Amino acid sequence: MQDIDSWVPIGLYLTVALALGIVMVNLGAALRPHKPDAAKLTTYESGMPPVGSAQQRYTVRYYVIAMLFVVFDIEAVFLYPWAAAYSSIGWYGLVEMVLFIVLLLIGYAYAWRKGALDWLS
């Protein structure tokens, strides 16, 4: 019986969270104005009417550049906690971060040599 009593607050929390989510979505749908017309239902991009087909294809280079951006952006995310905890991790943390940066620089040099960073070719 002790085990079940410890799960009651978790069940109550999940029930309240689910009910609150359902109530908020339905309350928004009930209270917002709903007056569709042709101007409101047209597609637009940043306030401009769309030009061309929405089904155009992108080259693989676009996705390679996007993935490289994510990889090097994550590098910056890992540098902040390391810098904040530098005084407590000492030389071991310094060596580990230098190895991390060296590996990323090797990857950067490889991508540059393969031409993945040539934007307009």
PDB file of N, CA and C in Angstrom:
ATOM      1  N   MET A   1       0.819  -1.203   0.000  1.00  0.00           N
ATOM      2  CA  MET A   1       0.000   0.000   0.000  1.00  0.00           C
ATOM      3  C   MET A   1       0.858   1.260   0.000  1.00  0.00           C
ATOM      4  N   GLN A   2       2.030   1.165   0.593  1.00  0.00           N
ATOM      5  CA  GLN A   2       2.941   2.314   0.646  1.00  0.00           C
ATOM      6  C   GLN A   2       3.366   2.739  -0.753  1.00  0.00           C
ATOM      7  N   ASP A   3       3.583   1.782  -1.653  1.00  0.00           N
ATOM      8  CA  ASP A   3       4.011   2.107  -3.009  1.00  0.00           C
ATOM      9  C   ASP A   3       2.945   2.859  -3.781  1.00  0.00           C
ATOM     10  N   ILE A   4       1.702   2.475  -3.610  1.00  0.00           N
ATOM     11  CA  ILE A   4       0.611   3.149  -4.325  1.00  0.00           C
ATOM     12  C   ILE A   4       0.446   4.581  -3.820  1.00  0.00           C
ATOM     13  N   ASP A   5       0.591   4.796  -2.525  1.00  0.00           N
ATOM     14  CA  ASP A   5       0.438   6.133  -1.968  1.00  0.00           C
ATOM     15  C   ASP A   5       1.506   7.091  -2.484  1.00  0.00           C
ATOM     16  N   SER A   6       2.683   6.582  -2.813  1.00  0.00           N
ATOM     17  CA  SER A   6       3.730   7.459  -3.330  1.00  0.00           C
ATOM     18  C   SER A   6       3.488   7.855  -4.784  1.00  0.00           C
ATOM     19  N   TRP A   7       2.642   7.127  -5.491  1.00  0.00           N
ATOM     20  CA  TRP A   7       2.324   7.451  -6.889  1.00  0.00           C
ATOM     21  C   TRP A   7       1.114   8.370  -7.031  1.00  0.00           C
ATOM     22  N   VAL A   8       0.379   8.569  -5.969  1.00  0.00           N
ATOM     23  CA  VAL A   8      -0.824   9.411  -6.034  1.00  0.00           C
ATOM     24  C   VAL A   8      -0.486  10.850  -6.426  1.00  0.00           C
ATOM     25  N   PRO A   9       0.521  11.512  -5.847  1.00  0.00           N
ATOM     26  CA  PRO A   9       0.826  12.887  -6.279  1.00  0.00           C
ATOM     27  C   PRO A   9       1.237  12.969  -7.746  1.00  0.00           C
ATOM     28  N   ILE A  10       1.950  11.966  -8.234  1.00  0.00           N
ATOM     29  CA  ILE A  10       2.360  11.972  -9.644  1.00  0.00           C
ATOM     30  C   ILE A  10       1.142  11.822 -10.541  1.00  0.00           C
ATOM     31  N   GLY A  11       0.242  10.916 -10.199  1.00  0.00           N
ATOM     32  CA  GLY A  11      -0.984  10.748 -10.975  1.00  0.00           C
ATOM     33  C   GLY A  11      -1.846  11.996 -10.953  1.00  0.00           C
ATOM     34  N   LEU A  12      -1.931  12.627  -9.787  1.00  0.00           N
ATOM     35  CA  LEU A  12      -2.703  13.863  -9.665  1.00  0.00           C
ATOM     36  C   LEU A  12      -2.091  14.976 -10.507  1.00  0.00           C
ATOM     37  N   TYR A  13      -0.769  15.084 -10.469  1.00  0.00           N
ATOM     38  CA  TYR A  13      -0.069  16.097 -11.258  1.00  0.00           C
ATOM     39  C   TYR A  13      -0.302  15.884 -12.750  1.00  0.00           C
ATOM     40  N   LEU A  14      -0.175  14.646 -13.224  1.00  0.00           N
ATOM     41  CA  LEU A  14      -0.404  14.353 -14.640  1.00  0.00           C
ATOM     42  C   LEU A  14      -1.850  14.619 -15.047  1.00  0.00           C
ATOM     43  N   THR A  15      -2.790  14.307 -14.170  1.00  0.00           N
ATOM     44  CA  THR A  15      -4.203  14.549 -14.463  1.00  0.00           C
ATOM     45  C   THR A  15      -4.488  16.044 -14.573  1.00  0.00           C
ATOM     46  N   VAL A  16      -3.958  16.820 -13.634  1.00  0.00           N
ATOM     47  CA  VAL A  16      -4.173  18.270 -13.673  1.00  0.00           C
ATOM     48  C   VAL A  16      -3.492  18.874 -14.908  1.00  0.00           C
ATOM     49  N   ALA A  17      -2.287  18.418 -15.238  1.00  0.00           N
ATOM     50  CA  ALA A  17      -1.587  18.951 -16.408  1.00  0.00           C
ATOM     51  C   ALA A  17      -2.347  18.638 -17.685  1.00  0.00           C
ATOM     52  N   LEU A  18      -2.828  17.421 -17.829  1.00  0.00           N
ATOM     53  CA  LEU A  18      -3.597  17.039 -19.015  1.00  0.00           C
ATOM     54  C   LEU A  18      -4.906  17.825 -19.095  1.00  0.00           C
ATOM     55  N   ALA A  19      -5.610  17.941 -17.976  1.00  0.00           N
ATOM     56  CA  ALA A  19      -6.877  18.683 -17.971  1.00  0.00           C
ATOM     57  C   ALA A  19      -6.643  20.161 -18.289  1.00  0.00           C
ATOM     58  N   LEU A  20      -5.580  20.736 -17.730  1.00  0.00           N
ATOM     59  CA  LEU A  20      -5.291  22.144 -18.001  1.00  0.00           C
ATOM     60  C   LEU A  20      -4.973  22.367 -19.474  1.00  0.00           C
ATOM     61  N   GLY A  21      -4.217  21.463 -20.070  1.00  0.00           N
ATOM     62  CA  GLY A  21      -3.916  21.578 -21.494  1.00  0.00           C
ATOM     63  C   GLY A  21      -5.168  21.499 -22.351  1.00  0.00           C
ATOM     64  N   ILE A  22      -6.026  20.555 -22.045  1.00  0.00           N
ATOM     65  CA  ILE A  22      -7.270  20.398 -22.815  1.00  0.00           C
ATOM     66  C   ILE A  22      -8.166  21.620 -22.642  1.00  0.00           C
ATOM     67  N   VAL A  23      -8.276  22.116 -21.423  1.00  0.00           N
ATOM     68  CA  VAL A  23      -9.117  23.289 -21.167  1.00  0.00           C
ATOM     69  C   VAL A  23      -8.572  24.513 -21.891  1.00  0.00           C
ATOM     70  N   MET A  24      -7.269  24.729 -21.874  1.00  0.00           N
ATOM     71  CA  MET A  24      -6.680  25.906 -22.528  1.00  0.00           C
ATOM     72  C   MET A  24      -6.891  25.888 -24.042  1.00  0.00           C
ATOM     73  N   VAL A  25      -6.699  24.732 -24.659  1.00  0.00           N
ATOM     74  CA  VAL A  25      -6.894  24.642 -26.106  1.00  0.00           C
ATOM     75  C   VAL A  25      -8.353  24.902 -26.466  1.00  0.00           C
ATOM     76  N   ASN A  26      -9.263  24.294 -25.745  1.00  0.00           N
ATOM     77  CA  ASN A  26     -10.681  24.483 -26.052  1.00  0.00           C
ATOM     78  C   ASN A  26     -11.171  25.883 -25.696  1.00  0.00           C
ATOM     79  N   LEU A  27     -10.624  26.461 -24.638  1.00  0.00           N
ATOM     80  CA  LEU A  27     -11.010  27.820 -24.270  1.00  0.00           C
ATOM     81  C   LEU A  27     -10.563  28.817 -25.336  1.00  0.00           C
ATOM     82  N   GLY A  28      -9.366  28.626 -25.856  1.00  0.00           N
ATOM     83  CA  GLY A  28      -8.895  29.494 -26.937  1.00  0.00           C
ATOM     84  C   GLY A  28      -9.748  29.359 -28.180  1.00  0.00           C
ATOM     85  N   ALA A  29     -10.127  28.123 -28.516  1.00  0.00           N
ATOM     86  CA  ALA A  29     -10.966  27.909 -29.693  1.00  0.00           C
ATOM     87  C   ALA A  29     -12.356  28.504 -29.502  1.00  0.00           C
ATOM     88  N   ALA A  30     -12.852  28.505 -28.286  1.00  0.00           N
ATOM     89  CA  ALA A  30     -14.202  29.020 -28.036  1.00  0.00           C
ATOM     90  C   ALA A  30     -14.241  30.547 -27.999  1.00  0.00           C
ATOM     91  N   LEU A  31     -13.175  31.182 -27.524  1.00  0.00           N
ATOM     92  CA  LEU A  31     -13.204  32.630 -27.328  1.00  0.00           C
ATOM     93  C   LEU A  31     -12.676  33.450 -28.500  1.00  0.00           C
ATOM     94  N   ARG A  32     -11.857  32.867 -29.358  1.00  0.00           N
ATOM     95  CA  ARG A  32     -11.270  33.670 -30.430  1.00  0.00           C
ATOM     96  C   ARG A  32     -12.299  33.968 -31.517  1.00  0.00           C
ATOM     97  N   PRO A  33     -12.142  35.099 -32.186  1.00  0.00           N
ATOM     98  CA  PRO A  33     -13.055  35.409 -33.294  1.00  0.00           C
ATOM     99  C   PRO A  33     -12.770  34.498 -34.486  1.00  0.00           C
ATOM    100  N   HIS A  34     -13.805  34.086 -35.154  1.00  0.00           N
ATOM    101  CA  HIS A  34     -13.661  33.193 -36.299  1.00  0.00           C
ATOM    102  C   HIS A  34     -14.502  33.745 -37.448  1.00  0.00           C
ATOM    103  N   LYS A  35     -13.891  34.631 -38.246  1.00  0.00           N
ATOM    104  CA  LYS A  35     -14.571  35.238 -39.381  1.00  0.00           C
ATOM    105  C   LYS A  35     -13.680  35.089 -40.609  1.00  0.00           C
ATOM    106  N   PRO A  36     -13.617  33.903 -41.196  1.00  0.00           N
ATOM    107  CA  PRO A  36     -12.738  33.717 -42.363  1.00  0.00           C
ATOM    108  C   PRO A  36     -13.296  34.425 -43.596  1.00  0.00           C
ATOM    109  N   ASP A  37     -12.396  34.974 -44.395  1.00  0.00           N
ATOM    110  CA  ASP A  37     -12.758  35.492 -45.704  1.00  0.00           C
ATOM    111  C   ASP A  37     -11.616  35.181 -46.660  1.00  0.00           C
ATOM    112  N   ALA A  38     -11.757  35.543 -47.895  1.00  0.00           N
ATOM    113  CA  ALA A  38     -10.772  35.170 -48.918  1.00  0.00           C
ATOM    114  C   ALA A  38      -9.402  35.768 -48.637  1.00  0.00           C
ATOM    115  N   ALA A  39      -9.343  37.000 -48.137  1.00  0.00           N
ATOM    116  CA  ALA A  39      -8.055  37.644 -47.872  1.00  0.00           C
ATOM    117  C   ALA A  39      -7.315  36.964 -46.717  1.00  0.00           C
ATOM    118  N   LYS A  40      -8.054  36.513 -45.706  1.00  0.00           N
ATOM    119  CA  LYS A  40      -7.419  35.859 -44.569  1.00  0.00           C
ATOM    120  C   LYS A  40      -6.957  34.444 -44.898  1.00  0.00           C
ATOM    121  N   LEU A  41      -7.576  33.813 -45.856  1.00  0.00           N
ATOM    122  CA  LEU A  41      -7.249  32.426 -46.176  1.00  0.00           C
ATOM    123  C   LEU A  41      -6.170  32.289 -47.243  1.00  0.00           C
ATOM    124  N   THR A  42      -5.670  33.404 -47.789  1.00  0.00           N
ATOM    125  CA  THR A  42      -4.618  33.307 -48.795  1.00  0.00           C
ATOM    126  C   THR A  42      -3.275  33.018 -48.140  1.00  0.00           C
ATOM    127  N   THR A  43      -2.409  32.369 -48.891  1.00  0.00           N
ATOM    128  CA  THR A  43      -1.073  32.051 -48.414  1.00  0.00           C
ATOM    129  C   THR A  43      -0.185  33.280 -48.575  1.00  0.00           C
ATOM    130  N   TYR A  44       0.670  33.527 -47.589  1.00  0.00           N
ATOM    131  CA  TYR A  44       1.639  34.621 -47.705  1.00  0.00           C
ATOM    132  C   TYR A  44       2.909  34.226 -46.974  1.00  0.00           C
ATOM    133  N   GLU A  45       3.986  34.869 -47.374  1.00  0.00           N
ATOM    134  CA  GLU A  45       5.286  34.623 -46.771  1.00  0.00           C
ATOM    135  C   GLU A  45       5.865  35.967 -46.373  1.00  0.00           C
ATOM    136  N   SER A  46       5.964  36.234 -45.097  1.00  0.00           N
ATOM    137  CA  SER A  46       6.506  37.483 -44.571  1.00  0.00           C
ATOM    138  C   SER A  46       5.777  38.698 -45.133  1.00  0.00           C
ATOM    139  N   GLY A  47       4.490  38.605 -45.293  1.00  0.00           N
ATOM    140  CA  GLY A  47       3.705  39.722 -45.770  1.00  0.00           C
ATOM    141  C   GLY A  47       3.696  39.897 -47.276  1.00  0.00           C
ATOM    142  N   MET A  48       4.392  39.024 -47.998  1.00  0.00           N
ATOM    143  CA  MET A  48       4.467  39.119 -49.455  1.00  0.00           C
ATOM    144  C   MET A  48       3.694  37.967 -50.071  1.00  0.00           C
ATOM    145  N   PRO A  49       3.048  38.177 -51.206  1.00  0.00           N
ATOM    146  CA  PRO A  49       2.381  37.062 -51.877  1.00  0.00           C
ATOM    147  C   PRO A  49       3.423  36.055 -52.370  1.00  0.00           C
ATOM    148  N   PRO A  50       3.094  34.770 -52.350  1.00  0.00           N
ATOM    149  CA  PRO A  50       4.072  33.763 -52.772  1.00  0.00           C
ATOM    150  C   PRO A  50       4.373  33.857 -54.259  1.00  0.00           C
ATOM    151  N   VAL A  51       5.628  33.589 -54.613  1.00  0.00           N
ATOM    152  CA  VAL A  51       6.067  33.599 -56.001  1.00  0.00           C
ATOM    153  C   VAL A  51       6.600  32.214 -56.323  1.00  0.00           C
ATOM    154  N   GLY A  52       6.093  31.599 -57.337  1.00  0.00           N
ATOM    155  CA  GLY A  52       6.576  30.278 -57.736  1.00  0.00           C
ATOM    156  C   GLY A  52       5.880  29.161 -56.976  1.00  0.00           C
ATOM    157  N   SER A  53       6.364  27.958 -57.215  1.00  0.00           N
ATOM    158  CA  SER A  53       5.774  26.774 -56.608  1.00  0.00           C
ATOM    159  C   SER A  53       6.337  26.541 -55.208  1.00  0.00           C
ATOM    160  N   ALA A  54       5.513  26.041 -54.327  1.00  0.00           N
ATOM    161  CA  ALA A  54       5.972  25.693 -52.987  1.00  0.00           C
ATOM    162  C   ALA A  54       6.653  24.327 -52.981  1.00  0.00           C
ATOM    163  N   GLN A  55       6.605  23.616 -54.082  1.00  0.00           N
ATOM    164  CA  GLN A  55       7.175  22.268 -54.170  1.00  0.00           C
ATOM    165  C   GLN A  55       8.549  22.255 -54.827  1.00  0.00           C
ATOM    166  N   GLN A  56       9.273  23.364 -54.818  1.00  0.00           N
ATOM    167  CA  GLN A  56      10.582  23.389 -55.460  1.00  0.00           C
ATOM    168  C   GLN A  56      11.581  22.559 -54.668  1.00  0.00           C
ATOM    169  N   ARG A  57      12.575  22.024 -55.363  1.00  0.00           N
ATOM    170  CA  ARG A  57      13.575  21.172 -54.736  1.00  0.00           C
ATOM    171  C   ARG A  57      14.788  21.992 -54.329  1.00  0.00           C
ATOM    172  N   TYR A  58      15.413  21.549 -53.250  1.00  0.00           N
ATOM    173  CA  TYR A  58      16.653  22.155 -52.787  1.00  0.00           C
ATOM    174  C   TYR A  58      17.801  21.201 -53.080  1.00  0.00           C
ATOM    175  N   THR A  59      18.975  21.757 -53.307  1.00  0.00           N
ATOM    176  CA  THR A  59      20.126  20.914 -53.565  1.00  0.00           C
ATOM    177  C   THR A  59      20.613  20.299 -52.256  1.00  0.00           C
ATOM    178  N   VAL A  60      21.399  19.255 -52.379  1.00  0.00           N
ATOM    179  CA  VAL A  60      21.952  18.586 -51.208  1.00  0.00           C
ATOM    180  C   VAL A  60      22.872  19.532 -50.450  1.00  0.00           C
ATOM    181  N   ARG A  61      23.516  20.442 -51.151  1.00  0.00           N
ATOM    182  CA  ARG A  61      24.433  21.397 -50.520  1.00  0.00           C
ATOM    183  C   ARG A  61      23.721  22.218 -49.437  1.00  0.00           C
ATOM    184  N   TYR A  62      22.468  22.533 -49.661  1.00  0.00           N
ATOM    185  CA  TYR A  62      21.690  23.281 -48.668  1.00  0.00           C
ATOM    186  C   TYR A  62      21.630  22.507 -47.356  1.00  0.00           C
ATOM    187  N   TYR A  63      21.376  21.211 -47.419  1.00  0.00           N
ATOM    188  CA  TYR A  63      21.262  20.397 -46.215  1.00  0.00           C
ATOM    189  C   TYR A  63      22.626  20.161 -45.572  1.00  0.00           C
ATOM    190  N   VAL A  64      23.681  20.039 -46.371  1.00  0.00           N
ATOM    191  CA  VAL A  64      25.032  19.877 -45.825  1.00  0.00           C
ATOM    192  C   VAL A  64      25.425  21.122 -45.039  1.00  0.00           C
ATOM    193  N   ILE A  65      25.155  22.290 -45.585  1.00  0.00           N
ATOM    194  CA  ILE A  65      25.483  23.535 -44.894  1.00  0.00           C
ATOM    195  C   ILE A  65      24.655  23.657 -43.614  1.00  0.00           C
ATOM    196  N   ALA A  66      23.396  23.246 -43.661  1.00  0.00           N
ATOM    197  CA  ALA A  66      22.551  23.295 -42.464  1.00  0.00           C
ATOM    198  C   ALA A  66      23.086  22.366 -41.384  1.00  0.00           C
ATOM    199  N   MET A  67      23.509  21.160 -41.754  1.00  0.00           N
ATOM    200  CA  MET A  67      24.056  20.229 -40.764  1.00  0.00           C
ATOM    201  C   MET A  67      25.378  20.735 -40.197  1.00  0.00           C
ATOM    202  N   LEU A  68      26.217  21.331 -41.040  1.00  0.00           N
ATOM    203  CA  LEU A  68      27.475  21.891 -40.540  1.00  0.00           C
ATOM    204  C   LEU A  68      27.203  23.036 -39.569  1.00  0.00           C
ATOM    205  N   PHE A  69      26.216  23.848 -39.873  1.00  0.00           N
ATOM    206  CA  PHE A  69      25.853  24.924 -38.959  1.00  0.00           C
ATOM    207  C   PHE A  69      25.430  24.369 -37.607  1.00  0.00           C
ATOM    208  N   VAL A  70      24.622  23.319 -37.608  1.00  0.00           N
ATOM    209  CA  VAL A  70      24.170  22.722 -36.352  1.00  0.00           C
ATOM    210  C   VAL A  70      25.349  22.161 -35.570  1.00  0.00           C
ATOM    211  N   VAL A  71      26.267  21.471 -36.252  1.00  0.00           N
ATOM    212  CA  VAL A  71      27.429  20.894 -35.568  1.00  0.00           C
ATOM    213  C   VAL A  71      28.267  21.979 -34.916  1.00  0.00           C
ATOM    214  N   PHE A  72      28.575  23.045 -35.634  1.00  0.00           N
ATOM    215  CA  PHE A  72      29.416  24.086 -35.068  1.00  0.00           C
ATOM    216  C   PHE A  72      28.660  24.971 -34.081  1.00  0.00           C
ATOM    217  N   ASP A  73      27.358  24.999 -34.168  1.00  0.00           N
ATOM    218  CA  ASP A  73      26.559  25.704 -33.181  1.00  0.00           C
ATOM    219  C   ASP A  73      26.560  24.926 -31.870  1.00  0.00           C
ATOM    220  N   ILE A  74      26.504  23.617 -31.954  1.00  0.00           N
ATOM    221  CA  ILE A  74      26.551  22.782 -30.752  1.00  0.00           C
ATOM    222  C   ILE A  74      27.903  22.914 -30.070  1.00  0.00           C
ATOM    223  N   GLU A  75      28.954  23.125 -30.853  1.00  0.00           N
ATOM    224  CA  GLU A  75      30.279  23.360 -30.256  1.00  0.00           C
ATOM    225  C   GLU A  75      30.220  24.543 -29.307  1.00  0.00           C
ATOM    226  N   ALA A  76      29.592  25.607 -29.725  1.00  0.00           N
ATOM    227  CA  ALA A  76      29.493  26.793 -28.870  1.00  0.00           C
ATOM    228  C   ALA A  76      28.676  26.497 -27.614  1.00  0.00           C
ATOM    229  N   VAL A  77      27.659  25.658 -27.729  1.00  0.00           N
ATOM    230  CA  VAL A  77      26.844  25.303 -26.566  1.00  0.00           C
ATOM    231  C   VAL A  77      27.678  24.536 -25.544  1.00  0.00           C
ATOM    232  N   PHE A  78      28.588  23.689 -26.009  1.00  0.00           N
ATOM    233  CA  PHE A  78      29.439  22.938 -25.082  1.00  0.00           C
ATOM    234  C   PHE A  78      30.534  23.795 -24.464  1.00  0.00           C
ATOM    235  N   LEU A  79      30.898  24.893 -25.088  1.00  0.00           N
ATOM    236  CA  LEU A  79      31.955  25.736 -24.542  1.00  0.00           C
ATOM    237  C   LEU A  79      31.497  26.549 -23.329  1.00  0.00           C
ATOM    238  N   TYR A  80      30.245  26.945 -23.267  1.00  0.00           N
ATOM    239  CA  TYR A  80      29.768  27.769 -22.161  1.00  0.00           C
ATOM    240  C   TYR A  80      29.830  27.058 -20.809  1.00  0.00           C
ATOM    241  N   PRO A  81      29.288  25.844 -20.671  1.00  0.00           N
ATOM    242  CA  PRO A  81      29.387  25.194 -19.353  1.00  0.00           C
ATOM    243  C   PRO A  81      30.834  24.890 -18.967  1.00  0.00           C
ATOM    244  N   TRP A  82      31.660  24.573 -19.951  1.00  0.00           N
ATOM    245  CA  TRP A  82      33.066  24.315 -19.660  1.00  0.00           C
ATOM    246  C   TRP A  82      33.721  25.576 -19.100  1.00  0.00           C
ATOM    247  N   ALA A  83      33.447  26.713 -19.697  1.00  0.00           N
ATOM    248  CA  ALA A  83      34.038  27.961 -19.217  1.00  0.00           C
ATOM    249  C   ALA A  83      33.521  28.312 -17.826  1.00  0.00           C
ATOM    250  N   ALA A  84      32.266  28.013 -17.557  1.00  0.00           N
ATOM    251  CA  ALA A  84      31.706  28.328 -16.238  1.00  0.00           C
ATOM    252  C   ALA A  84      32.290  27.431 -15.152  1.00  0.00           C
ATOM    253  N   ALA A  85      32.603  26.181 -15.486  1.00  0.00           N
ATOM    254  CA  ALA A  85      33.113  25.229 -14.497  1.00  0.00           C
ATOM    255  C   ALA A  85      34.621  25.063 -14.586  1.00  0.00           C
ATOM    256  N   TYR A  86      35.306  25.930 -15.295  1.00  0.00           N
ATOM    257  CA  TYR A  86      36.741  25.755 -15.524  1.00  0.00           C
ATOM    258  C   TYR A  86      37.545  25.718 -14.232  1.00  0.00           C
ATOM    259  N   SER A  87      37.215  26.546 -13.272  1.00  0.00           N
ATOM    260  CA  SER A  87      38.006  26.602 -12.035  1.00  0.00           C
ATOM    261  C   SER A  87      37.886  25.316 -11.220  1.00  0.00           C
ATOM    262  N   SER A  88      36.778  24.596 -11.350  1.00  0.00           N
ATOM    263  CA  SER A  88      36.611  23.372 -10.564  1.00  0.00           C
ATOM    264  C   SER A  88      37.095  22.116 -11.287  1.00  0.00           C
ATOM    265  N   ILE A  89      37.223  22.135 -12.614  1.00  0.00           N
ATOM    266  CA  ILE A  89      37.646  20.925 -13.321  1.00  0.00           C
ATOM    267  C   ILE A  89      39.133  20.885 -13.599  1.00  0.00           C
ATOM    268  N   GLY A  90      39.801  22.006 -13.532  1.00  0.00           N
ATOM    269  CA  GLY A  90      41.264  22.048 -13.609  1.00  0.00           C
ATOM    270  C   GLY A  90      41.852  21.604 -14.939  1.00  0.00           C
ATOM    271  N   TRP A  91      43.054  21.007 -14.857  1.00  0.00           N
ATOM    272  CA  TRP A  91      43.808  20.625 -16.049  1.00  0.00           C
ATOM    273  C   TRP A  91      43.105  19.546 -16.855  1.00  0.00           C
ATOM    274  N   TYR A  92      42.452  18.623 -16.181  1.00  0.00           N
ATOM    275  CA  TYR A  92      41.749  17.554 -16.892  1.00  0.00           C
ATOM    276  C   TYR A  92      40.692  18.142 -17.829  1.00  0.00           C
ATOM    277  N   GLY A  93      39.921  19.093 -17.344  1.00  0.00           N
ATOM    278  CA  GLY A  93      38.904  19.746 -18.169  1.00  0.00           C
ATOM    279  C   GLY A  93      39.517  20.532 -19.311  1.00  0.00           C
ATOM    280  N   LEU A  94      40.667  21.169 -19.058  1.00  0.00           N
ATOM    281  CA  LEU A  94      41.338  21.914 -20.110  1.00  0.00           C
ATOM    282  C   LEU A  94      41.797  20.987 -21.230  1.00  0.00           C
ATOM    283  N   VAL A  95      42.412  19.864 -20.856  1.00  0.00           N
ATOM    284  CA  VAL A  95      42.886  18.906 -21.863  1.00  0.00           C
ATOM    285  C   VAL A  95      41.710  18.334 -22.661  1.00  0.00           C
ATOM    286  N   GLU A  96      40.646  17.993 -21.978  1.00  0.00           N
ATOM    287  CA  GLU A  96      39.465  17.449 -22.670  1.00  0.00           C
ATOM    288  C   GLU A  96      38.874  18.470 -23.639  1.00  0.00           C
ATOM    289  N   MET A  97      38.800  19.730 -23.242  1.00  0.00           N
ATOM    290  CA  MET A  97      38.222  20.740 -24.127  1.00  0.00           C
ATOM    291  C   MET A  97      39.144  21.029 -25.298  1.00  0.00           C
ATOM    292  N   VAL A  98      40.448  21.007 -25.083  1.00  0.00           N
ATOM    293  CA  VAL A  98      41.385  21.203 -26.190  1.00  0.00           C
ATOM    294  C   VAL A  98      41.233  20.064 -27.197  1.00  0.00           C
ATOM    295  N   LEU A  99      41.101  18.820 -26.709  1.00  0.00           N
ATOM    296  CA  LEU A  99      40.879  17.688 -27.618  1.00  0.00           C
ATOM    297  C   LEU A  99      39.559  17.847 -28.386  1.00  0.00           C
ATOM    298  N   PHE A 100      38.541  18.302 -27.702  1.00  0.00           N
ATOM    299  CA  PHE A 100      37.238  18.525 -28.345  1.00  0.00           C
ATOM    300  C   PHE A 100      37.361  19.560 -29.458  1.00  0.00           C
ATOM    301  N   ILE A 101      38.032  20.665 -29.176  1.00  0.00           N
ATOM    302  CA  ILE A 101      38.186  21.726 -30.173  1.00  0.00           C
ATOM    303  C   ILE A 101      39.061  21.263 -31.331  1.00  0.00           C
ATOM    304  N   VAL A 102      40.104  20.482 -31.040  1.00  0.00           N
ATOM    305  CA  VAL A 102      40.961  19.954 -32.115  1.00  0.00           C
ATOM    306  C   VAL A 102      40.165  19.045 -33.031  1.00  0.00           C
ATOM    307  N   LEU A 103      39.339  18.180 -32.458  1.00  0.00           N
ATOM    308  CA  LEU A 103      38.498  17.308 -33.299  1.00  0.00           C
ATOM    309  C   LEU A 103      37.539  18.128 -34.163  1.00  0.00           C
ATOM    310  N   LEU A 104      36.965  19.170 -33.612  1.00  0.00           N
ATOM    311  CA  LEU A 104      36.065  20.015 -34.406  1.00  0.00           C
ATOM    312  C   LEU A 104      36.821  20.764 -35.496  1.00  0.00           C
ATOM    313  N   LEU A 105      38.036  21.207 -35.204  1.00  0.00           N
ATOM    314  CA  LEU A 105      38.834  21.889 -36.222  1.00  0.00           C
ATOM    315  C   LEU A 105      39.231  20.928 -37.342  1.00  0.00           C
ATOM    316  N   ILE A 106      39.495  19.675 -37.003  1.00  0.00           N
ATOM    317  CA  ILE A 106      39.778  18.672 -38.040  1.00  0.00           C
ATOM    318  C   ILE A 106      38.552  18.487 -38.927  1.00  0.00           C
ATOM    319  N   GLY A 107      37.378  18.408 -38.315  1.00  0.00           N
ATOM    320  CA  GLY A 107      36.146  18.300 -39.093  1.00  0.00           C
ATOM    321  C   GLY A 107      35.892  19.523 -39.953  1.00  0.00           C
ATOM    322  N   TYR A 108      36.174  20.692 -39.422  1.00  0.00           N
ATOM    323  CA  TYR A 108      36.019  21.937 -40.169  1.00  0.00           C
ATOM    324  C   TYR A 108      36.962  21.975 -41.369  1.00  0.00           C
ATOM    325  N   ALA A 109      38.223  21.580 -41.151  1.00  0.00           N
ATOM    326  CA  ALA A 109      39.202  21.562 -42.245  1.00  0.00           C
ATOM    327  C   ALA A 109      38.791  20.547 -43.314  1.00  0.00           C
ATOM    328  N   TYR A 110      38.272  19.410 -42.889  1.00  0.00           N
ATOM    329  CA  TYR A 110      37.824  18.392 -43.847  1.00  0.00           C
ATOM    330  C   TYR A 110      36.660  18.929 -44.691  1.00  0.00           C
ATOM    331  N   ALA A 111      35.696  19.555 -44.029  1.00  0.00           N
ATOM    332  CA  ALA A 111      34.545  20.096 -44.760  1.00  0.00           C
ATOM    333  C   ALA A 111      34.986  21.211 -45.705  1.00  0.00           C
ATOM    334  N   TRP A 112      35.925  22.029 -45.290  1.00  0.00           N
ATOM    335  CA  TRP A 112      36.416  23.109 -46.127  1.00  0.00           C
ATOM    336  C   TRP A 112      37.156  22.553 -47.335  1.00  0.00           C
ATOM    337  N   ARG A 113      37.984  21.533 -47.110  1.00  0.00           N
ATOM    338  CA  ARG A 113      38.751  20.935 -48.208  1.00  0.00           C
ATOM    339  C   ARG A 113      37.835  20.239 -49.219  1.00  0.00           C
ATOM    340  N   LYS A 114      36.750  19.634 -48.741  1.00  0.00           N
ATOM    341  CA  LYS A 114      35.804  18.958 -49.638  1.00  0.00           C
ATOM    342  C   LYS A 114      34.893  19.932 -50.356  1.00  0.00           C
ATOM    343  N   GLY A 115      34.926  21.215 -50.005  1.00  0.00           N
ATOM    344  CA  GLY A 115      34.112  22.217 -50.687  1.00  0.00           C
ATOM    345  C   GLY A 115      32.711  22.353 -50.112  1.00  0.00           C
ATOM    346  N   ALA A 116      32.480  21.825 -48.942  1.00  0.00           N
ATOM    347  CA  ALA A 116      31.126  21.904 -48.348  1.00  0.00           C
ATOM    348  C   ALA A 116      30.781  23.320 -47.918  1.00  0.00           C
ATOM    349  N   LEU A 117      31.770  24.180 -47.768  1.00  0.00           N
ATOM    350  CA  LEU A 117      31.513  25.544 -47.313  1.00  0.00           C
ATOM    351  C   LEU A 117      31.496  26.560 -48.441  1.00  0.00           C
ATOM    352  N   ASP A 118      31.578  26.104 -49.682  1.00  0.00           N
ATOM    353  CA  ASP A 118      31.463  27.008 -50.827  1.00  0.00           C
ATOM    354  C   ASP A 118      29.990  27.309 -51.061  1.00  0.00           C
ATOM    355  N   TRP A 119      29.581  28.523 -50.762  1.00  0.00           N
ATOM    356  CA  TRP A 119      28.167  28.867 -50.754  1.00  0.00           C
ATOM    357  C   TRP A 119      27.556  28.970 -52.156  1.00  0.00           C
ATOM    358  N   LEU A 120      28.262  29.531 -53.077  1.00  0.00           N
ATOM    359  CA  LEU A 120      27.658  29.828 -54.365  1.00  0.00           C
ATOM    360  C   LEU A 120      28.249  29.029 -55.521  1.00  0.00           C
ATOM    361  N   SER A 121      28.667  27.828 -55.271  1.00  0.00           N
ATOM    362  CA  SER A 121      29.234  27.060 -56.387  1.00  0.00           C
ATOM    363  C   SER A 121      28.254  26.049 -56.918  1.00  0.00           C
TER     364      SER A 121
END
